[in-house]
Amino acid sequence: MVFKRFIQIFVSLSVIAVGTVAAALWYSYHQLQQPLALKQSILFEVKRGMHARTILEQLNKQGATIQVTPVYVASRLFDVPQRLQAGVYEIHPADSVATVWRKLRTGDQYLFQVTLVEGRTFAEWLKIIASSERLVLSAVDDKKINIIDVLNQRLGTQHASFEGLLFPDTYHYMAGTKAIEILVKAYERMQSELTEIWAQRSDDLPYEKPYELLIMASIIEKETGIGGERSKVSSVFVNRLRKGMRLQSDPTTIYGIENFNGNLTRAHLRELTPFNTYRIDGLPPTPIAMPSRESLIAAAHPEQTEYYYFVADGTGGHVFSKTLVEHNRAVNRYQRNQG
């Protein structure tokens, strides 16, 4: 009788113990699925070799409400917090610990971005890249390293300048990406765009090779920011080239002035530089900025006009003229305020 009673007690205690353990496991599993209750999304860095428990503790330090021990145990039992990839991840308030483990296993890292704007120069782009978050900048901001040489070696090219050869866009990258990879991607994109547009260009253009079209596109980019004017500006320069007239473009001249202070003078226009299209015939030797796709298309498809001149009208646009007499009138009206 005593033995039977002992068995009953033992079974009852075992059932209670199993139930308690089961309840604890269920609670822990439930915690794996609960939102982290962050006040806002955070960027969370996982360093190489970081332990799962440490990750949970660090999440709490950044505002999560995780019961570390039971959740860690549940993670070991019901999830696989192993082979977690180092990097920077975006964690949202609605994410659970289970969601975090999935992100870290798959390497679903946060993508930073850098916007490289059309009309800017290569030097200006390098400054933008150097100020961007989480890029490895060694080849970009080290004064002892020639970025032109590094890029040429990486691309297998022999460019003396990369002006105009990089495509303006917003580029996304993971933390720890080498900055030069952004430049390589921009170069490859420009090569693709230029090849496509060159193949579809209008007939009888005064360009012998795609690089000359690229130079023209960069000039158009700097001359006007109005999309509807690009092909008309292109027509002016194409008409001039066909007639043997000099381009007489202020932006090209400015590009060739070292430490330009914003004031283009008559002395500047008289100075002989490779980029002073008031003094040289034809196109300058390189592009003067990074052109947009729209400017590339305008260079490849100039509007059919009889214009040889244009002048800024003071509103962001331009007045186009067929003759020098018309142009001088427009200059007097819009630039010299002589009616």
C-alpha atoms as a PDB file:
ATOM      1  CA  MET A   1       0.000   0.000   0.000  1.00  0.00           C
ATOM      2  CA  VAL A   2       2.801   2.412   0.898  1.00  0.00           C
ATOM      3  CA  PHE A   3       4.631   1.537  -2.288  1.00  0.00           C
ATOM      4  CA  LYS A   4       1.515   2.106  -4.365  1.00  0.00           C
ATOM      5  CA  ARG A   5       1.035   5.484  -2.699  1.00  0.00           C
ATOM      6  CA  PHE A   6       4.678   6.331  -3.450  1.00  0.00           C
ATOM      7  CA  ILE A   7       4.155   5.487  -7.111  1.00  0.00           C
ATOM      8  CA  GLN A   8       1.100   7.740  -7.252  1.00  0.00           C
ATOM      9  CA  ILE A   9       2.991  10.608  -5.678  1.00  0.00           C
ATOM     10  CA  PHE A  10       5.944  10.082  -7.983  1.00  0.00           C
ATOM     11  CA  VAL A  11       3.731  10.045 -11.068  1.00  0.00           C
ATOM     12  CA  SER A  12       1.918  13.166  -9.886  1.00  0.00           C
ATOM     13  CA  LEU A  13       5.171  14.994  -9.267  1.00  0.00           C
ATOM     14  CA  SER A  14       6.507  13.849 -12.636  1.00  0.00           C
ATOM     15  CA  VAL A  15       3.396  15.135 -14.370  1.00  0.00           C
ATOM     16  CA  ILE A  16       3.739  18.443 -12.537  1.00  0.00           C
ATOM     17  CA  ALA A  17       7.434  18.636 -13.398  1.00  0.00           C
ATOM     18  CA  VAL A  18       6.829  17.813 -17.045  1.00  0.00           C
ATOM     19  CA  GLY A  19       4.013  20.314 -17.141  1.00  0.00           C
ATOM     20  CA  THR A  20       6.204  22.959 -15.562  1.00  0.00           C
ATOM     21  CA  VAL A  21       9.013  22.290 -18.018  1.00  0.00           C
ATOM     22  CA  ALA A  22       6.556  22.256 -20.901  1.00  0.00           C
ATOM     23  CA  ALA A  23       5.047  25.526 -19.748  1.00  0.00           C
ATOM     24  CA  ALA A  24       8.493  27.057 -19.419  1.00  0.00           C
ATOM     25  CA  LEU A  25       9.460  25.867 -22.888  1.00  0.00           C
ATOM     26  CA  TRP A  26       6.217  27.124 -24.344  1.00  0.00           C
ATOM     27  CA  TYR A  27       6.744  30.491 -22.692  1.00  0.00           C
ATOM     28  CA  SER A  28      10.293  30.660 -24.027  1.00  0.00           C
ATOM     29  CA  TYR A  29       9.186  29.646 -27.521  1.00  0.00           C
ATOM     30  CA  HIS A  30       6.436  32.250 -27.349  1.00  0.00           C
ATOM     31  CA  GLN A  31       9.050  34.858 -26.411  1.00  0.00           C
ATOM     32  CA  LEU A  32      10.990  34.008 -29.591  1.00  0.00           C
ATOM     33  CA  GLN A  33       8.003  35.149 -31.622  1.00  0.00           C
ATOM     34  CA  GLN A  34       7.225  38.337 -29.704  1.00  0.00           C
ATOM     35  CA  PRO A  35       8.073  41.793 -31.105  1.00  0.00           C
ATOM     36  CA  LEU A  36      11.226  43.299 -29.649  1.00  0.00           C
ATOM     37  CA  ALA A  37       9.223  46.394 -28.642  1.00  0.00           C
ATOM     38  CA  LEU A  38      11.859  48.829 -29.859  1.00  0.00           C
ATOM     39  CA  LYS A  39      10.715  52.439 -29.906  1.00  0.00           C
ATOM     40  CA  GLN A  40      12.092  52.808 -33.430  1.00  0.00           C
ATOM     41  CA  SER A  41      14.091  50.904 -36.011  1.00  0.00           C
ATOM     42  CA  ILE A  42      17.795  50.613 -35.229  1.00  0.00           C
ATOM     43  CA  LEU A  43      20.975  49.713 -37.055  1.00  0.00           C
ATOM     44  CA  PHE A  44      22.567  46.834 -35.198  1.00  0.00           C
ATOM     45  CA  GLU A  45      26.135  45.715 -35.797  1.00  0.00           C
ATOM     46  CA  VAL A  46      27.059  42.074 -35.427  1.00  0.00           C
ATOM     47  CA  LYS A  47      30.798  41.674 -35.099  1.00  0.00           C
ATOM     48  CA  ARG A  48      32.637  38.616 -36.297  1.00  0.00           C
ATOM     49  CA  GLY A  49      32.404  35.770 -33.753  1.00  0.00           C
ATOM     50  CA  MET A  50      29.762  37.477 -31.595  1.00  0.00           C
ATOM     51  CA  HIS A  51      27.885  34.951 -29.395  1.00  0.00           C
ATOM     52  CA  ALA A  52      24.090  34.614 -29.628  1.00  0.00           C
ATOM     53  CA  ARG A  53      23.622  35.510 -25.943  1.00  0.00           C
ATOM     54  CA  THR A  54      25.780  38.602 -26.420  1.00  0.00           C
ATOM     55  CA  ILE A  55      23.616  39.626 -29.360  1.00  0.00           C
ATOM     56  CA  LEU A  56      20.498  39.391 -27.194  1.00  0.00           C
ATOM     57  CA  GLU A  57      22.158  41.453 -24.460  1.00  0.00           C
ATOM     58  CA  GLN A  58      23.268  44.087 -26.964  1.00  0.00           C
ATOM     59  CA  LEU A  59      19.764  44.309 -28.403  1.00  0.00           C
ATOM     60  CA  ASN A  60      18.470  45.055 -24.923  1.00  0.00           C
ATOM     61  CA  LYS A  61      21.037  47.799 -24.542  1.00  0.00           C
ATOM     62  CA  GLN A  62      19.637  49.380 -27.705  1.00  0.00           C
ATOM     63  CA  GLY A  63      16.060  49.340 -26.428  1.00  0.00           C
ATOM     64  CA  ALA A  64      14.677  45.822 -26.863  1.00  0.00           C
ATOM     65  CA  THR A  65      12.882  43.993 -24.019  1.00  0.00           C
ATOM     66  CA  ILE A  66      14.250  40.464 -24.209  1.00  0.00           C
ATOM     67  CA  GLN A  67      14.412  38.048 -21.258  1.00  0.00           C
ATOM     68  CA  VAL A  68      17.851  36.885 -22.236  1.00  0.00           C
ATOM     69  CA  THR A  69      18.228  33.513 -20.489  1.00  0.00           C
ATOM     70  CA  PRO A  70      14.878  31.892 -21.354  1.00  0.00           C
ATOM     71  CA  VAL A  71      15.002  33.310 -24.897  1.00  0.00           C
ATOM     72  CA  TYR A  72      18.557  32.099 -25.373  1.00  0.00           C
ATOM     73  CA  VAL A  73      17.582  28.603 -24.169  1.00  0.00           C
ATOM     74  CA  ALA A  74      14.551  28.619 -26.449  1.00  0.00           C
ATOM     75  CA  SER A  75      16.758  29.747 -29.325  1.00  0.00           C
ATOM     76  CA  ARG A  76      19.065  26.793 -28.786  1.00  0.00           C
ATOM     77  CA  LEU A  77      16.092  24.397 -28.621  1.00  0.00           C
ATOM     78  CA  PHE A  78      13.763  25.753 -31.278  1.00  0.00           C
ATOM     79  CA  ASP A  79      15.937  27.871 -33.566  1.00  0.00           C
ATOM     80  CA  VAL A  80      19.458  27.801 -34.989  1.00  0.00           C
ATOM     81  CA  PRO A  81      21.373  30.898 -33.826  1.00  0.00           C
ATOM     82  CA  GLN A  82      24.536  29.605 -35.487  1.00  0.00           C
ATOM     83  CA  ARG A  83      26.597  30.638 -38.498  1.00  0.00           C
ATOM     84  CA  LEU A  84      25.440  34.189 -37.923  1.00  0.00           C
ATOM     85  CA  GLN A  85      26.986  36.564 -40.426  1.00  0.00           C
ATOM     86  CA  ALA A  86      28.813  39.681 -39.303  1.00  0.00           C
ATOM     87  CA  GLY A  87      27.514  42.984 -40.608  1.00  0.00           C
ATOM     88  CA  VAL A  88      25.096  45.825 -39.975  1.00  0.00           C
ATOM     89  CA  TYR A  89      21.408  44.961 -39.878  1.00  0.00           C
ATOM     90  CA  GLU A  90      18.248  47.032 -39.671  1.00  0.00           C
ATOM     91  CA  ILE A  91      16.093  45.794 -36.810  1.00  0.00           C
ATOM     92  CA  HIS A  92      12.457  46.960 -36.681  1.00  0.00           C
ATOM     93  CA  PRO A  93      10.152  47.281 -33.653  1.00  0.00           C
ATOM     94  CA  ALA A  94       7.909  44.535 -35.024  1.00  0.00           C
ATOM     95  CA  ASP A  95      10.807  42.098 -35.506  1.00  0.00           C
ATOM     96  CA  SER A  96      11.026  39.114 -33.170  1.00  0.00           C
ATOM     97  CA  VAL A  97      14.145  37.292 -31.987  1.00  0.00           C
ATOM     98  CA  ALA A  98      13.287  34.576 -34.499  1.00  0.00           C
ATOM     99  CA  THR A  99      13.260  37.229 -37.240  1.00  0.00           C
ATOM    100  CA  VAL A 100      16.627  38.536 -36.043  1.00  0.00           C
ATOM    101  CA  TRP A 101      18.179  35.064 -36.216  1.00  0.00           C
ATOM    102  CA  ARG A 102      16.823  34.617 -39.760  1.00  0.00           C
ATOM    103  CA  LYS A 103      18.308  37.924 -40.889  1.00  0.00           C
ATOM    104  CA  LEU A 104      21.679  37.122 -39.380  1.00  0.00           C
ATOM    105  CA  ARG A 105      21.775  33.627 -40.857  1.00  0.00           C
ATOM    106  CA  THR A 106      20.912  34.787 -44.365  1.00  0.00           C
ATOM    107  CA  GLY A 107      23.109  37.897 -44.206  1.00  0.00           C
ATOM    108  CA  ASP A 108      20.152  40.175 -44.950  1.00  0.00           C
ATOM    109  CA  GLN A 109      22.201  43.266 -44.184  1.00  0.00           C
ATOM    110  CA  TYR A 110      21.143  46.894 -44.235  1.00  0.00           C
ATOM    111  CA  LEU A 111      22.017  48.634 -47.498  1.00  0.00           C
ATOM    112  CA  PHE A 112      23.587  52.051 -47.160  1.00  0.00           C
ATOM    113  CA  GLN A 113      23.467  54.346 -50.165  1.00  0.00           C
ATOM    114  CA  VAL A 114      25.430  57.118 -51.819  1.00  0.00           C
ATOM    115  CA  THR A 115      23.941  59.417 -54.449  1.00  0.00           C
ATOM    116  CA  LEU A 116      26.390  60.550 -57.109  1.00  0.00           C
ATOM    117  CA  VAL A 117      24.833  63.511 -58.880  1.00  0.00           C
ATOM    118  CA  GLU A 118      25.071  64.377 -62.573  1.00  0.00           C
ATOM    119  CA  GLY A 119      26.965  67.525 -63.444  1.00  0.00           C
ATOM    120  CA  ARG A 120      29.527  67.030 -60.687  1.00  0.00           C
ATOM    121  CA  THR A 121      33.198  66.350 -61.360  1.00  0.00           C
ATOM    122  CA  PHE A 122      35.232  63.289 -60.480  1.00  0.00           C
ATOM    123  CA  ALA A 123      36.954  65.228 -57.685  1.00  0.00           C
ATOM    124  CA  GLU A 124      33.577  66.248 -56.244  1.00  0.00           C
ATOM    125  CA  TRP A 125      32.369  62.653 -56.370  1.00  0.00           C
ATOM    126  CA  LEU A 126      35.426  61.476 -54.454  1.00  0.00           C
ATOM    127  CA  LYS A 127      34.573  63.936 -51.673  1.00  0.00           C
ATOM    128  CA  ILE A 128      30.995  62.654 -51.529  1.00  0.00           C
ATOM    129  CA  ILE A 129      32.201  59.063 -51.339  1.00  0.00           C
ATOM    130  CA  ALA A 130      34.777  59.915 -48.671  1.00  0.00           C
ATOM    131  CA  SER A 131      31.999  61.328 -46.458  1.00  0.00           C
ATOM    132  CA  SER A 132      29.692  58.318 -46.907  1.00  0.00           C
ATOM    133  CA  GLU A 133      28.945  55.910 -44.063  1.00  0.00           C
ATOM    134  CA  ARG A 134      30.589  52.529 -43.591  1.00  0.00           C
ATOM    135  CA  LEU A 135      32.713  52.508 -46.750  1.00  0.00           C
ATOM    136  CA  VAL A 136      36.330  51.349 -46.712  1.00  0.00           C
ATOM    137  CA  LEU A 137      38.047  54.432 -48.118  1.00  0.00           C
ATOM    138  CA  SER A 138      41.728  53.481 -48.325  1.00  0.00           C
ATOM    139  CA  ALA A 139      42.087  53.984 -52.080  1.00  0.00           C
ATOM    140  CA  VAL A 140      39.901  57.116 -52.116  1.00  0.00           C
ATOM    141  CA  ASP A 141      41.146  59.343 -49.294  1.00  0.00           C
ATOM    142  CA  ASP A 142      44.789  58.264 -48.992  1.00  0.00           C
ATOM    143  CA  LYS A 143      46.825  61.080 -50.554  1.00  0.00           C
ATOM    144  CA  LYS A 144      49.690  58.682 -51.201  1.00  0.00           C
ATOM    145  CA  ILE A 145      47.544  56.545 -53.487  1.00  0.00           C
ATOM    146  CA  ASN A 146      46.762  57.603 -57.066  1.00  0.00           C
ATOM    147  CA  ILE A 147      43.099  56.714 -57.484  1.00  0.00           C
ATOM    148  CA  ILE A 148      43.421  56.881 -61.284  1.00  0.00           C
ATOM    149  CA  ASP A 149      46.125  54.195 -61.224  1.00  0.00           C
ATOM    150  CA  VAL A 150      44.116  52.037 -58.808  1.00  0.00           C
ATOM    151  CA  LEU A 151      40.997  52.263 -60.956  1.00  0.00           C
ATOM    152  CA  ASN A 152      42.884  51.512 -64.153  1.00  0.00           C
ATOM    153  CA  GLN A 153      44.491  48.484 -62.564  1.00  0.00           C
ATOM    154  CA  ARG A 154      41.141  47.275 -61.223  1.00  0.00           C
ATOM    155  CA  LEU A 155      39.371  47.775 -64.558  1.00  0.00           C
ATOM    156  CA  GLY A 156      42.200  46.812 -66.887  1.00  0.00           C
ATOM    157  CA  THR A 157      42.031  50.228 -68.566  1.00  0.00           C
ATOM    158  CA  GLN A 158      44.493  53.019 -69.355  1.00  0.00           C
ATOM    159  CA  HIS A 159      42.485  56.206 -68.832  1.00  0.00           C
ATOM    160  CA  ALA A 160      44.391  59.386 -68.054  1.00  0.00           C
ATOM    161  CA  SER A 161      41.212  60.755 -66.470  1.00  0.00           C
ATOM    162  CA  PHE A 162      37.941  59.256 -65.279  1.00  0.00           C
ATOM    163  CA  GLU A 163      36.068  62.516 -65.725  1.00  0.00           C
ATOM    164  CA  GLY A 164      32.704  61.784 -67.333  1.00  0.00           C
ATOM    165  CA  LEU A 165      33.285  58.034 -67.329  1.00  0.00           C
ATOM    166  CA  LEU A 166      31.137  57.259 -64.269  1.00  0.00           C
ATOM    167  CA  PHE A 167      27.347  57.065 -64.377  1.00  0.00           C
ATOM    168  CA  PRO A 168      25.343  59.277 -61.988  1.00  0.00           C
ATOM    169  CA  ASP A 169      22.941  57.290 -59.818  1.00  0.00           C
ATOM    170  CA  THR A 170      22.183  56.188 -56.263  1.00  0.00           C
ATOM    171  CA  TYR A 171      24.380  53.224 -55.391  1.00  0.00           C
ATOM    172  CA  HIS A 172      23.613  50.806 -52.543  1.00  0.00           C
ATOM    173  CA  TYR A 173      26.197  48.918 -50.549  1.00  0.00           C
ATOM    174  CA  MET A 174      26.720  46.905 -47.377  1.00  0.00           C
ATOM    175  CA  ALA A 175      28.872  48.077 -44.482  1.00  0.00           C
ATOM    176  CA  GLY A 176      32.530  47.343 -45.116  1.00  0.00           C
ATOM    177  CA  THR A 177      32.303  47.659 -48.896  1.00  0.00           C
ATOM    178  CA  LYS A 178      35.405  49.126 -50.505  1.00  0.00           C
ATOM    179  CA  ALA A 179      34.685  52.573 -51.934  1.00  0.00           C
ATOM    180  CA  ILE A 180      36.450  51.691 -55.148  1.00  0.00           C
ATOM    181  CA  GLU A 181      33.727  49.109 -55.842  1.00  0.00           C
ATOM    182  CA  ILE A 182      31.205  51.953 -56.104  1.00  0.00           C
ATOM    183  CA  LEU A 183      33.422  53.641 -58.705  1.00  0.00           C
ATOM    184  CA  VAL A 184      33.829  50.380 -60.610  1.00  0.00           C
ATOM    185  CA  LYS A 185      30.066  49.857 -60.678  1.00  0.00           C
ATOM    186  CA  ALA A 186      29.529  53.454 -61.872  1.00  0.00           C
ATOM    187  CA  TYR A 187      32.145  52.982 -64.617  1.00  0.00           C
ATOM    188  CA  GLU A 188      30.610  49.736 -65.841  1.00  0.00           C
ATOM    189  CA  ARG A 189      27.171  51.329 -65.855  1.00  0.00           C
ATOM    190  CA  MET A 190      28.412  54.258 -67.954  1.00  0.00           C
ATOM    191  CA  GLN A 191      30.067  51.903 -70.420  1.00  0.00           C
ATOM    192  CA  SER A 192      26.780  50.058 -70.819  1.00  0.00           C
ATOM    193  CA  GLU A 193      24.727  53.235 -71.258  1.00  0.00           C
ATOM    194  CA  LEU A 194      27.221  54.820 -73.648  1.00  0.00           C
ATOM    195  CA  THR A 195      27.474  51.680 -75.800  1.00  0.00           C
ATOM    196  CA  GLU A 196      23.697  51.470 -76.110  1.00  0.00           C
ATOM    197  CA  ILE A 197      23.201  55.162 -76.920  1.00  0.00           C
ATOM    198  CA  TRP A 198      26.132  55.290 -79.360  1.00  0.00           C
ATOM    199  CA  ALA A 199      24.672  52.371 -81.300  1.00  0.00           C
ATOM    200  CA  GLN A 200      21.350  54.237 -81.666  1.00  0.00           C
ATOM    201  CA  ARG A 201      22.766  57.704 -82.443  1.00  0.00           C
ATOM    202  CA  SER A 202      21.525  59.929 -85.248  1.00  0.00           C
ATOM    203  CA  ASP A 203      23.286  59.862 -88.594  1.00  0.00           C
ATOM    204  CA  ASP A 204      26.039  62.279 -89.634  1.00  0.00           C
ATOM    205  CA  LEU A 205      27.079  63.438 -86.171  1.00  0.00           C
ATOM    206  CA  PRO A 206      30.513  65.116 -85.946  1.00  0.00           C
ATOM    207  CA  TYR A 207      31.861  62.461 -83.562  1.00  0.00           C
ATOM    208  CA  GLU A 208      34.292  59.748 -84.546  1.00  0.00           C
ATOM    209  CA  LYS A 209      33.996  57.690 -81.377  1.00  0.00           C
ATOM    210  CA  PRO A 210      31.775  57.267 -78.305  1.00  0.00           C
ATOM    211  CA  TYR A 211      34.198  59.188 -76.080  1.00  0.00           C
ATOM    212  CA  GLU A 212      33.583  62.341 -78.138  1.00  0.00           C
ATOM    213  CA  LEU A 213      29.846  61.941 -77.642  1.00  0.00           C
ATOM    214  CA  LEU A 214      30.543  61.579 -73.922  1.00  0.00           C
ATOM    215  CA  ILE A 215      32.501  64.854 -73.942  1.00  0.00           C
ATOM    216  CA  MET A 216      29.616  66.616 -75.679  1.00  0.00           C
ATOM    217  CA  ALA A 217      27.105  65.156 -73.194  1.00  0.00           C
ATOM    218  CA  SER A 218      29.133  66.535 -70.302  1.00  0.00           C
ATOM    219  CA  ILE A 219      29.095  70.022 -71.855  1.00  0.00           C
ATOM    220  CA  ILE A 220      25.332  69.837 -72.378  1.00  0.00           C
ATOM    221  CA  GLU A 221      24.953  68.730 -68.750  1.00  0.00           C
ATOM    222  CA  LYS A 222      26.792  71.804 -67.504  1.00  0.00           C
ATOM    223  CA  GLU A 223      25.106  74.229 -69.907  1.00  0.00           C
ATOM    224  CA  THR A 224      21.489  73.515 -68.966  1.00  0.00           C
ATOM    225  CA  GLY A 225      19.523  71.878 -66.190  1.00  0.00           C
ATOM    226  CA  ILE A 226      16.266  71.989 -68.166  1.00  0.00           C
ATOM    227  CA  GLY A 227      15.441  68.652 -69.744  1.00  0.00           C
ATOM    228  CA  GLY A 228      13.547  70.142 -72.657  1.00  0.00           C
ATOM    229  CA  GLU A 229      16.537  72.272 -73.665  1.00  0.00           C
ATOM    230  CA  ARG A 230      19.167  69.580 -73.834  1.00  0.00           C
ATOM    231  CA  SER A 231      18.620  68.514 -77.437  1.00  0.00           C
ATOM    232  CA  LYS A 232      18.428  72.178 -78.517  1.00  0.00           C
ATOM    233  CA  VAL A 233      21.727  73.003 -76.764  1.00  0.00           C
ATOM    234  CA  SER A 234      23.157  69.912 -78.437  1.00  0.00           C
ATOM    235  CA  SER A 235      22.030  71.242 -81.827  1.00  0.00           C
ATOM    236  CA  VAL A 236      23.882  74.519 -81.271  1.00  0.00           C
ATOM    237  CA  PHE A 237      27.180  72.779 -80.580  1.00  0.00           C
ATOM    238  CA  VAL A 238      26.716  70.238 -83.377  1.00  0.00           C
ATOM    239  CA  ASN A 239      25.924  73.045 -85.827  1.00  0.00           C
ATOM    240  CA  ARG A 240      29.070  74.856 -84.713  1.00  0.00           C
ATOM    241  CA  LEU A 241      31.255  71.785 -85.085  1.00  0.00           C
ATOM    242  CA  ARG A 242      29.894  71.099 -88.555  1.00  0.00           C
ATOM    243  CA  LYS A 243      30.616  74.688 -89.621  1.00  0.00           C
ATOM    244  CA  GLY A 244      34.087  74.763 -88.057  1.00  0.00           C
ATOM    245  CA  MET A 245      33.100  77.320 -85.420  1.00  0.00           C
ATOM    246  CA  ARG A 246      34.543  77.178 -81.926  1.00  0.00           C
ATOM    247  CA  LEU A 247      32.178  75.976 -79.203  1.00  0.00           C
ATOM    248  CA  GLN A 248      32.775  79.021 -76.969  1.00  0.00           C
ATOM    249  CA  SER A 249      31.362  77.252 -73.923  1.00  0.00           C
ATOM    250  CA  ASP A 250      31.868  78.913 -70.539  1.00  0.00           C
ATOM    251  CA  PRO A 251      31.693  75.642 -68.552  1.00  0.00           C
ATOM    252  CA  THR A 252      34.547  74.085 -70.535  1.00  0.00           C
ATOM    253  CA  THR A 253      36.660  77.191 -70.011  1.00  0.00           C
ATOM    254  CA  ILE A 254      35.901  77.230 -66.296  1.00  0.00           C
ATOM    255  CA  TYR A 255      36.857  73.553 -65.996  1.00  0.00           C
ATOM    256  CA  GLY A 256      40.347  74.417 -67.262  1.00  0.00           C
ATOM    257  CA  ILE A 257      40.894  77.194 -64.721  1.00  0.00           C
ATOM    258  CA  GLU A 258      42.793  76.097 -61.628  1.00  0.00           C
ATOM    259  CA  ASN A 259      41.160  77.234 -58.375  1.00  0.00           C
ATOM    260  CA  PHE A 260      38.343  79.043 -60.162  1.00  0.00           C
ATOM    261  CA  ASN A 261      36.721  81.599 -57.814  1.00  0.00           C
ATOM    262  CA  GLY A 262      33.353  81.852 -59.543  1.00  0.00           C
ATOM    263  CA  ASN A 263      34.143  84.965 -61.592  1.00  0.00           C
ATOM    264  CA  LEU A 264      34.811  84.284 -65.281  1.00  0.00           C
ATOM    265  CA  THR A 265      36.801  87.204 -66.677  1.00  0.00           C
ATOM    266  CA  ARG A 266      37.918  88.364 -70.119  1.00  0.00           C
ATOM    267  CA  ALA A 267      41.448  87.359 -69.123  1.00  0.00           C
ATOM    268  CA  HIS A 268      40.206  83.813 -68.541  1.00  0.00           C
ATOM    269  CA  LEU A 269      38.617  83.774 -71.992  1.00  0.00           C
ATOM    270  CA  ARG A 270      41.908  84.860 -73.581  1.00  0.00           C
ATOM    271  CA  GLU A 271      44.020  82.294 -71.744  1.00  0.00           C
ATOM    272  CA  LEU A 272      45.038  79.314 -73.828  1.00  0.00           C
ATOM    273  CA  THR A 273      44.204  76.083 -72.021  1.00  0.00           C
ATOM    274  CA  PRO A 274      43.172  72.675 -73.399  1.00  0.00           C
ATOM    275  CA  PHE A 275      39.623  73.372 -72.187  1.00  0.00           C
ATOM    276  CA  ASN A 276      39.179  76.983 -73.294  1.00  0.00           C
ATOM    277  CA  THR A 277      36.837  76.478 -76.232  1.00  0.00           C
ATOM    278  CA  TYR A 278      37.075  80.199 -76.973  1.00  0.00           C
ATOM    279  CA  ARG A 279      40.710  79.528 -77.962  1.00  0.00           C
ATOM    280  CA  ILE A 280      40.757  75.922 -79.178  1.00  0.00           C
ATOM    281  CA  ASP A 281      38.978  74.269 -82.088  1.00  0.00           C
ATOM    282  CA  GLY A 282      36.661  71.346 -81.618  1.00  0.00           C
ATOM    283  CA  LEU A 283      35.980  69.499 -78.389  1.00  0.00           C
ATOM    284  CA  PRO A 284      38.061  69.717 -75.206  1.00  0.00           C
ATOM    285  CA  PRO A 285      40.277  66.664 -74.520  1.00  0.00           C
ATOM    286  CA  THR A 286      38.048  65.117 -71.823  1.00  0.00           C
ATOM    287  CA  PRO A 287      34.534  65.464 -70.436  1.00  0.00           C
ATOM    288  CA  ILE A 288      34.097  68.258 -67.894  1.00  0.00           C
ATOM    289  CA  ALA A 289      31.598  66.504 -65.599  1.00  0.00           C
ATOM    290  CA  MET A 290      29.564  63.334 -65.160  1.00  0.00           C
ATOM    291  CA  PRO A 291      26.688  63.490 -67.673  1.00  0.00           C
ATOM    292  CA  SER A 292      23.223  62.053 -67.128  1.00  0.00           C
ATOM    293  CA  ARG A 293      21.555  59.594 -69.476  1.00  0.00           C
ATOM    294  CA  GLU A 294      19.367  62.464 -70.695  1.00  0.00           C
ATOM    295  CA  SER A 295      22.433  64.449 -71.750  1.00  0.00           C
ATOM    296  CA  LEU A 296      23.928  61.402 -73.448  1.00  0.00           C
ATOM    297  CA  ILE A 297      20.725  60.989 -75.434  1.00  0.00           C
ATOM    298  CA  ALA A 298      20.694  64.697 -76.301  1.00  0.00           C
ATOM    299  CA  ALA A 299      24.268  64.474 -77.569  1.00  0.00           C
ATOM    300  CA  ALA A 300      23.314  61.460 -79.681  1.00  0.00           C
ATOM    301  CA  HIS A 301      20.075  62.994 -80.969  1.00  0.00           C
ATOM    302  CA  PRO A 302      20.417  66.772 -81.358  1.00  0.00           C
ATOM    303  CA  GLU A 303      17.327  68.655 -82.424  1.00  0.00           C
ATOM    304  CA  GLN A 304      17.335  69.762 -86.043  1.00  0.00           C
ATOM    305  CA  THR A 305      17.734  73.544 -85.799  1.00  0.00           C
ATOM    306  CA  GLU A 306      19.564  76.460 -87.400  1.00  0.00           C
ATOM    307  CA  TYR A 307      20.720  77.816 -84.046  1.00  0.00           C
ATOM    308  CA  TYR A 308      24.352  78.738 -83.463  1.00  0.00           C
ATOM    309  CA  TYR A 309      24.024  80.758 -80.258  1.00  0.00           C
ATOM    310  CA  PHE A 310      22.225  80.785 -76.924  1.00  0.00           C
ATOM    311  CA  VAL A 311      22.258  82.975 -73.844  1.00  0.00           C
ATOM    312  CA  ALA A 312      20.784  82.544 -70.365  1.00  0.00           C
ATOM    313  CA  ASP A 313      17.453  84.328 -69.951  1.00  0.00           C
ATOM    314  CA  GLY A 314      17.725  84.823 -66.198  1.00  0.00           C
ATOM    315  CA  THR A 315      15.024  82.277 -65.328  1.00  0.00           C
ATOM    316  CA  GLY A 316      17.130  79.135 -65.704  1.00  0.00           C
ATOM    317  CA  GLY A 317      16.402  78.767 -69.413  1.00  0.00           C
ATOM    318  CA  HIS A 318      18.039  80.110 -72.562  1.00  0.00           C
ATOM    319  CA  VAL A 319      17.249  82.184 -75.612  1.00  0.00           C
ATOM    320  CA  PHE A 320      18.456  80.605 -78.853  1.00  0.00           C
ATOM    321  CA  SER A 321      19.538  82.574 -81.918  1.00  0.00           C
ATOM    322  CA  LYS A 322      20.370  81.794 -85.531  1.00  0.00           C
ATOM    323  CA  THR A 323      22.659  84.752 -86.196  1.00  0.00           C
ATOM    324  CA  LEU A 324      25.223  86.766 -84.279  1.00  0.00           C
ATOM    325  CA  VAL A 325      23.066  89.878 -84.665  1.00  0.00           C
ATOM    326  CA  GLU A 326      20.105  88.119 -82.997  1.00  0.00           C
ATOM    327  CA  HIS A 327      22.411  86.761 -80.330  1.00  0.00           C
ATOM    328  CA  ASN A 328      23.866  90.171 -79.507  1.00  0.00           C
ATOM    329  CA  ARG A 329      20.343  91.545 -79.132  1.00  0.00           C
ATOM    330  CA  ALA A 330      19.526  88.727 -76.727  1.00  0.00           C
ATOM    331  CA  VAL A 331      22.738  89.335 -74.783  1.00  0.00           C
ATOM    332  CA  ASN A 332      21.926  93.035 -74.467  1.00  0.00           C
ATOM    333  CA  ARG A 333      18.426  92.263 -73.300  1.00  0.00           C
ATOM    334  CA  TYR A 334      19.060  89.428 -70.876  1.00  0.00           C
ATOM    335  CA  GLN A 335      22.649  89.944 -69.751  1.00  0.00           C
ATOM    336  CA  ARG A 336      23.288  93.670 -70.041  1.00  0.00           C
ATOM    337  CA  ASN A 337      19.736  94.879 -69.258  1.00  0.00           C
ATOM    338  CA  GLN A 338      19.647  97.158 -72.288  1.00  0.00           C
ATOM    339  CA  GLY A 339      16.062  96.478 -73.210  1.00  0.00           C
END
